[in-house]
Amino acid sequence: LLVGAPYEMTGTYQTGDVYKCALSKRTNGNNCSKLNLGKISLTNVSERKDRMRLGMTLVSNPKDSSFVACGPLWSYECGSSYYSTGICSKVNASFKFSRTIIPAFQ
């Protein structure tokens, strides 16, 4: 089970994140683990990740068991302005980061 946590803290920033949770009756207590997708950064981009709400949108792909988690309030700096384009992270079936998708990055 994937659980979006858009208000999750990553260090000092509220980036949001995603948890994977096992659905087994054998496990007692906390059977969820954080994927730490909020720590992933782009190189050569001045980004604003605080309150980007990663995990607000989760979409799975049953063909390859991957999923995409999006943070709609991710922003980047260009000159003296910030542009909130949002960002998405594709995660493979092994719960490893695969690639970044930035729909409206200029």
N, C-alpha and C. Protein backbone atom coordinates (compact mmCIF):
# COMPACT_ATOMS: atom_id res chain seq x y z
N LEU A 1 0.85 -1.17 0.00
CA LEU A 1 0.00 0.00 0.00
C LEU A 1 0.89 1.23 0.00
N LEU A 2 0.63 2.19 -0.87
CA LEU A 2 1.34 3.45 -0.90
C LEU A 2 0.50 4.51 -0.21
N VAL A 3 1.15 5.32 0.62
CA VAL A 3 0.46 6.37 1.35
C VAL A 3 1.17 7.69 1.08
N GLY A 4 0.46 8.65 0.50
CA GLY A 4 1.01 9.98 0.30
C GLY A 4 0.98 10.75 1.60
N ALA A 5 2.09 11.44 1.90
CA ALA A 5 2.20 12.24 3.11
C ALA A 5 2.68 13.64 2.73
N PRO A 6 1.80 14.47 2.16
CA PRO A 6 2.23 15.77 1.63
C PRO A 6 2.72 16.77 2.68
N TYR A 7 2.49 16.50 3.96
CA TYR A 7 2.96 17.41 5.02
C TYR A 7 4.18 16.85 5.76
N GLU A 8 4.78 15.80 5.26
CA GLU A 8 5.93 15.15 5.91
C GLU A 8 7.16 16.06 5.87
N MET A 9 7.93 16.01 6.95
CA MET A 9 9.17 16.80 7.04
C MET A 9 10.34 16.00 6.48
N THR A 10 11.22 16.67 5.72
CA THR A 10 12.49 16.12 5.27
C THR A 10 13.55 17.08 5.76
N GLY A 11 14.22 16.73 6.84
CA GLY A 11 15.15 17.67 7.47
C GLY A 11 14.37 18.83 8.05
N THR A 12 14.77 20.05 7.68
CA THR A 12 14.09 21.24 8.20
C THR A 12 12.97 21.71 7.29
N TYR A 13 12.77 21.02 6.15
CA TYR A 13 11.75 21.45 5.19
C TYR A 13 10.57 20.50 5.17
N GLN A 14 9.40 21.08 4.93
CA GLN A 14 8.18 20.29 4.81
C GLN A 14 7.98 19.98 3.32
N THR A 15 8.67 18.95 2.84
CA THR A 15 8.64 18.63 1.42
C THR A 15 7.49 17.70 1.05
N GLY A 16 7.08 16.88 1.99
CA GLY A 16 6.14 15.82 1.69
C GLY A 16 6.93 14.58 1.33
N ASP A 17 6.27 13.44 1.31
CA ASP A 17 6.94 12.19 0.96
C ASP A 17 5.89 11.10 0.74
N VAL A 18 6.37 9.89 0.52
CA VAL A 18 5.51 8.73 0.30
C VAL A 18 5.99 7.61 1.21
N TYR A 19 5.05 6.86 1.77
CA TYR A 19 5.35 5.70 2.59
C TYR A 19 4.88 4.44 1.88
N LYS A 20 5.63 3.36 2.01
CA LYS A 20 5.15 2.06 1.56
C LYS A 20 4.81 1.26 2.81
N CYS A 21 3.66 0.63 2.78
CA CYS A 21 3.18 -0.11 3.95
C CYS A 21 2.83 -1.54 3.54
N ALA A 22 3.32 -2.48 4.33
CA ALA A 22 3.02 -3.89 4.09
C ALA A 22 1.63 -4.21 4.62
N LEU A 23 0.89 -4.98 3.87
CA LEU A 23 -0.45 -5.37 4.28
C LEU A 23 -0.44 -6.82 4.71
N SER A 24 0.22 -7.08 5.83
CA SER A 24 0.33 -8.43 6.33
C SER A 24 -0.22 -8.49 7.75
N LYS A 25 -0.95 -9.52 8.05
CA LYS A 25 -1.47 -9.69 9.40
C LYS A 25 -0.39 -10.15 10.36
N ARG A 26 0.74 -10.59 9.83
CA ARG A 26 1.84 -11.08 10.67
C ARG A 26 2.61 -9.97 11.35
N THR A 27 2.64 -8.79 10.76
CA THR A 27 3.43 -7.70 11.34
C THR A 27 2.61 -6.96 12.38
N ASN A 28 3.24 -6.69 13.49
CA ASN A 28 2.62 -5.91 14.56
C ASN A 28 3.33 -4.57 14.64
N GLY A 29 2.61 -3.53 14.96
CA GLY A 29 3.23 -2.22 15.11
C GLY A 29 3.36 -1.51 13.77
N ASN A 30 4.44 -0.76 13.63
CA ASN A 30 4.65 0.07 12.45
C ASN A 30 5.22 -0.77 11.31
N ASN A 31 4.41 -0.99 10.28
CA ASN A 31 4.88 -1.75 9.13
C ASN A 31 4.97 -0.87 7.89
N CYS A 32 5.24 0.42 8.10
CA CYS A 32 5.40 1.37 7.01
C CYS A 32 6.80 1.95 7.03
N SER A 33 7.34 2.22 5.84
CA SER A 33 8.66 2.84 5.76
C SER A 33 8.62 3.99 4.76
N LYS A 34 9.33 5.06 5.12
CA LYS A 34 9.38 6.27 4.31
C LYS A 34 10.32 6.05 3.13
N LEU A 35 9.94 6.51 1.93
CA LEU A 35 10.76 6.34 0.74
C LEU A 35 11.79 7.45 0.55
N ASN A 36 11.68 8.53 1.29
CA ASN A 36 12.63 9.66 1.23
C ASN A 36 12.74 10.28 -0.15
N LEU A 37 11.63 10.39 -0.85
CA LEU A 37 11.62 11.05 -2.15
C LEU A 37 11.80 12.56 -2.03
N GLY A 38 11.48 13.11 -0.87
CA GLY A 38 11.64 14.55 -0.65
C GLY A 38 13.08 15.01 -0.64
N LYS A 39 14.03 14.08 -0.50
CA LYS A 39 15.45 14.43 -0.51
C LYS A 39 16.03 14.57 -1.90
N ILE A 40 15.34 14.07 -2.91
CA ILE A 40 15.85 14.09 -4.27
C ILE A 40 15.86 15.51 -4.81
N SER A 41 16.99 15.93 -5.37
CA SER A 41 17.14 17.28 -5.91
C SER A 41 17.65 17.24 -7.34
N LEU A 42 17.35 18.28 -8.07
CA LEU A 42 17.86 18.43 -9.42
C LEU A 42 19.21 19.14 -9.38
N THR A 43 20.10 18.76 -10.28
CA THR A 43 21.39 19.43 -10.35
C THR A 43 21.26 20.68 -11.23
N ASN A 44 22.06 21.67 -10.92
CA ASN A 44 22.12 22.93 -11.68
C ASN A 44 20.80 23.69 -11.71
N VAL A 45 19.97 23.49 -10.69
CA VAL A 45 18.69 24.20 -10.60
C VAL A 45 18.55 24.74 -9.18
N SER A 46 18.21 26.01 -9.05
CA SER A 46 17.94 26.59 -7.74
C SER A 46 16.47 26.33 -7.44
N GLU A 47 16.22 25.33 -6.59
CA GLU A 47 14.84 24.92 -6.35
C GLU A 47 14.35 25.33 -4.98
N ARG A 48 13.04 25.47 -4.86
CA ARG A 48 12.38 25.75 -3.59
C ARG A 48 11.47 24.56 -3.31
N LYS A 49 11.89 23.76 -2.33
CA LYS A 49 11.18 22.51 -2.06
C LYS A 49 10.29 22.58 -0.82
N ASP A 50 10.48 23.59 0.02
CA ASP A 50 9.67 23.66 1.24
C ASP A 50 8.20 23.82 0.87
N ARG A 51 7.38 22.99 1.44
CA ARG A 51 5.93 22.96 1.22
C ARG A 51 5.55 22.61 -0.22
N MET A 52 6.35 21.76 -0.88
CA MET A 52 6.01 21.39 -2.26
C MET A 52 4.92 20.33 -2.32
N ARG A 53 4.62 19.68 -1.19
CA ARG A 53 3.51 18.72 -1.06
C ARG A 53 3.70 17.45 -1.88
N LEU A 54 4.92 16.91 -1.90
CA LEU A 54 5.17 15.65 -2.60
C LEU A 54 4.31 14.55 -1.98
N GLY A 55 3.67 13.77 -2.81
CA GLY A 55 2.79 12.71 -2.34
C GLY A 55 1.33 13.09 -2.37
N MET A 56 1.05 14.34 -2.74
CA MET A 56 -0.34 14.76 -2.83
C MET A 56 -1.04 14.00 -3.95
N THR A 57 -0.28 13.66 -4.99
CA THR A 57 -0.80 12.86 -6.10
C THR A 57 0.04 11.61 -6.25
N LEU A 58 -0.59 10.47 -6.29
CA LEU A 58 0.07 9.18 -6.52
C LEU A 58 -0.67 8.46 -7.64
N VAL A 59 0.09 7.98 -8.63
CA VAL A 59 -0.49 7.24 -9.73
C VAL A 59 0.36 6.00 -9.97
N SER A 60 -0.30 4.84 -10.00
CA SER A 60 0.44 3.60 -10.22
C SER A 60 0.32 3.15 -11.67
N ASN A 61 1.31 2.37 -12.10
CA ASN A 61 1.31 1.79 -13.44
C ASN A 61 1.33 0.27 -13.27
N PRO A 62 0.19 -0.39 -13.41
CA PRO A 62 0.14 -1.84 -13.19
C PRO A 62 0.96 -2.66 -14.19
N LYS A 63 1.31 -2.07 -15.34
CA LYS A 63 2.09 -2.80 -16.34
C LYS A 63 3.49 -3.15 -15.85
N ASP A 64 4.13 -2.21 -15.13
CA ASP A 64 5.48 -2.48 -14.65
C ASP A 64 5.63 -2.29 -13.13
N SER A 65 4.52 -2.14 -12.43
CA SER A 65 4.47 -1.97 -10.96
C SER A 65 5.23 -0.74 -10.49
N SER A 66 5.38 0.25 -11.35
CA SER A 66 5.99 1.51 -10.94
C SER A 66 4.89 2.47 -10.50
N PHE A 67 5.30 3.62 -9.98
CA PHE A 67 4.33 4.66 -9.66
C PHE A 67 4.98 6.02 -9.80
N VAL A 68 4.15 7.04 -9.87
CA VAL A 68 4.60 8.43 -9.94
C VAL A 68 3.99 9.16 -8.76
N ALA A 69 4.85 9.91 -8.05
CA ALA A 69 4.41 10.76 -6.94
C ALA A 69 4.72 12.21 -7.32
N CYS A 70 3.74 13.09 -7.13
CA CYS A 70 3.92 14.48 -7.54
C CYS A 70 3.84 15.45 -6.37
N GLY A 71 4.62 16.52 -6.51
CA GLY A 71 4.60 17.64 -5.58
C GLY A 71 4.20 18.88 -6.36
N PRO A 72 2.93 19.28 -6.33
CA PRO A 72 2.44 20.35 -7.19
C PRO A 72 2.99 21.74 -6.88
N LEU A 73 3.56 21.95 -5.69
CA LEU A 73 4.04 23.29 -5.33
C LEU A 73 5.56 23.43 -5.38
N TRP A 74 6.26 22.50 -6.02
CA TRP A 74 7.70 22.63 -6.22
C TRP A 74 7.96 23.83 -7.12
N SER A 75 8.98 24.63 -6.78
CA SER A 75 9.31 25.82 -7.55
C SER A 75 10.79 25.85 -7.87
N TYR A 76 11.14 26.60 -8.90
CA TYR A 76 12.54 26.83 -9.21
C TYR A 76 12.75 28.32 -9.48
N GLU A 77 13.98 28.77 -9.26
CA GLU A 77 14.32 30.18 -9.43
C GLU A 77 14.93 30.41 -10.80
N CYS A 78 14.48 31.47 -11.45
CA CYS A 78 15.05 31.90 -12.72
C CYS A 78 15.19 33.42 -12.63
N GLY A 79 16.42 33.88 -12.54
CA GLY A 79 16.65 35.30 -12.32
C GLY A 79 16.21 35.65 -10.90
N SER A 80 15.34 36.61 -10.78
CA SER A 80 14.85 37.00 -9.45
C SER A 80 13.43 36.50 -9.20
N SER A 81 12.93 35.61 -10.06
CA SER A 81 11.57 35.11 -9.92
C SER A 81 11.56 33.62 -9.64
N TYR A 82 10.51 33.16 -8.95
CA TYR A 82 10.28 31.73 -8.72
C TYR A 82 9.08 31.29 -9.53
N TYR A 83 9.18 30.11 -10.15
CA TYR A 83 8.11 29.56 -10.94
C TYR A 83 7.67 28.24 -10.33
N SER A 84 6.40 28.15 -9.98
CA SER A 84 5.86 26.93 -9.38
C SER A 84 5.29 26.05 -10.49
N THR A 85 6.09 25.11 -10.96
CA THR A 85 5.68 24.24 -12.05
C THR A 85 5.25 22.87 -11.56
N GLY A 86 5.61 22.55 -10.34
CA GLY A 86 5.36 21.20 -9.84
C GLY A 86 6.44 20.26 -10.31
N ILE A 87 6.53 19.12 -9.64
CA ILE A 87 7.53 18.11 -9.99
C ILE A 87 6.96 16.73 -9.66
N CYS A 88 7.36 15.74 -10.43
CA CYS A 88 6.94 14.37 -10.18
C CYS A 88 8.16 13.46 -10.18
N SER A 89 8.11 12.42 -9.39
CA SER A 89 9.18 11.44 -9.33
C SER A 89 8.62 10.08 -9.71
N LYS A 90 9.28 9.43 -10.66
CA LYS A 90 8.89 8.07 -11.03
C LYS A 90 9.71 7.10 -10.19
N VAL A 91 9.04 6.11 -9.61
CA VAL A 91 9.67 5.13 -8.73
C VAL A 91 9.39 3.74 -9.31
N ASN A 92 10.43 2.91 -9.40
CA ASN A 92 10.27 1.59 -10.03
C ASN A 92 9.65 0.57 -9.06
N ALA A 93 9.49 -0.65 -9.51
CA ALA A 93 8.84 -1.70 -8.72
C ALA A 93 9.62 -2.06 -7.46
N SER A 94 10.92 -1.76 -7.43
CA SER A 94 11.76 -2.03 -6.24
C SER A 94 11.78 -0.84 -5.29
N PHE A 95 10.90 0.13 -5.52
CA PHE A 95 10.78 1.34 -4.71
C PHE A 95 12.05 2.19 -4.76
N LYS A 96 12.73 2.18 -5.89
CA LYS A 96 13.91 3.01 -6.11
C LYS A 96 13.54 4.13 -7.07
N PHE A 97 14.06 5.33 -6.79
CA PHE A 97 13.84 6.48 -7.66
C PHE A 97 14.32 6.16 -9.06
N SER A 98 13.51 6.47 -10.06
CA SER A 98 13.85 6.17 -11.44
C SER A 98 14.19 7.44 -12.23
N ARG A 99 13.28 8.42 -12.19
CA ARG A 99 13.55 9.67 -12.90
C ARG A 99 12.61 10.78 -12.42
N THR A 100 12.97 12.01 -12.79
CA THR A 100 12.19 13.18 -12.44
C THR A 100 11.43 13.66 -13.65
N ILE A 101 10.19 14.06 -13.41
CA ILE A 101 9.34 14.61 -14.47
C ILE A 101 8.94 16.02 -14.02
N ILE A 102 9.26 17.01 -14.86
CA ILE A 102 8.87 18.40 -14.56
C ILE A 102 8.03 18.88 -15.73
N PRO A 103 6.71 18.84 -15.58
CA PRO A 103 5.82 19.10 -16.72
C PRO A 103 6.01 20.44 -17.42
N ALA A 104 6.26 21.51 -16.70
CA ALA A 104 6.29 22.84 -17.32
C ALA A 104 7.61 23.58 -17.07
N PHE A 105 8.70 22.84 -16.91
CA PHE A 105 9.99 23.46 -16.67
C PHE A 105 10.46 24.15 -17.94
N GLN A 106 10.91 25.42 -17.81
CA GLN A 106 11.36 26.19 -18.98
C GLN A 106 12.86 26.18 -19.09
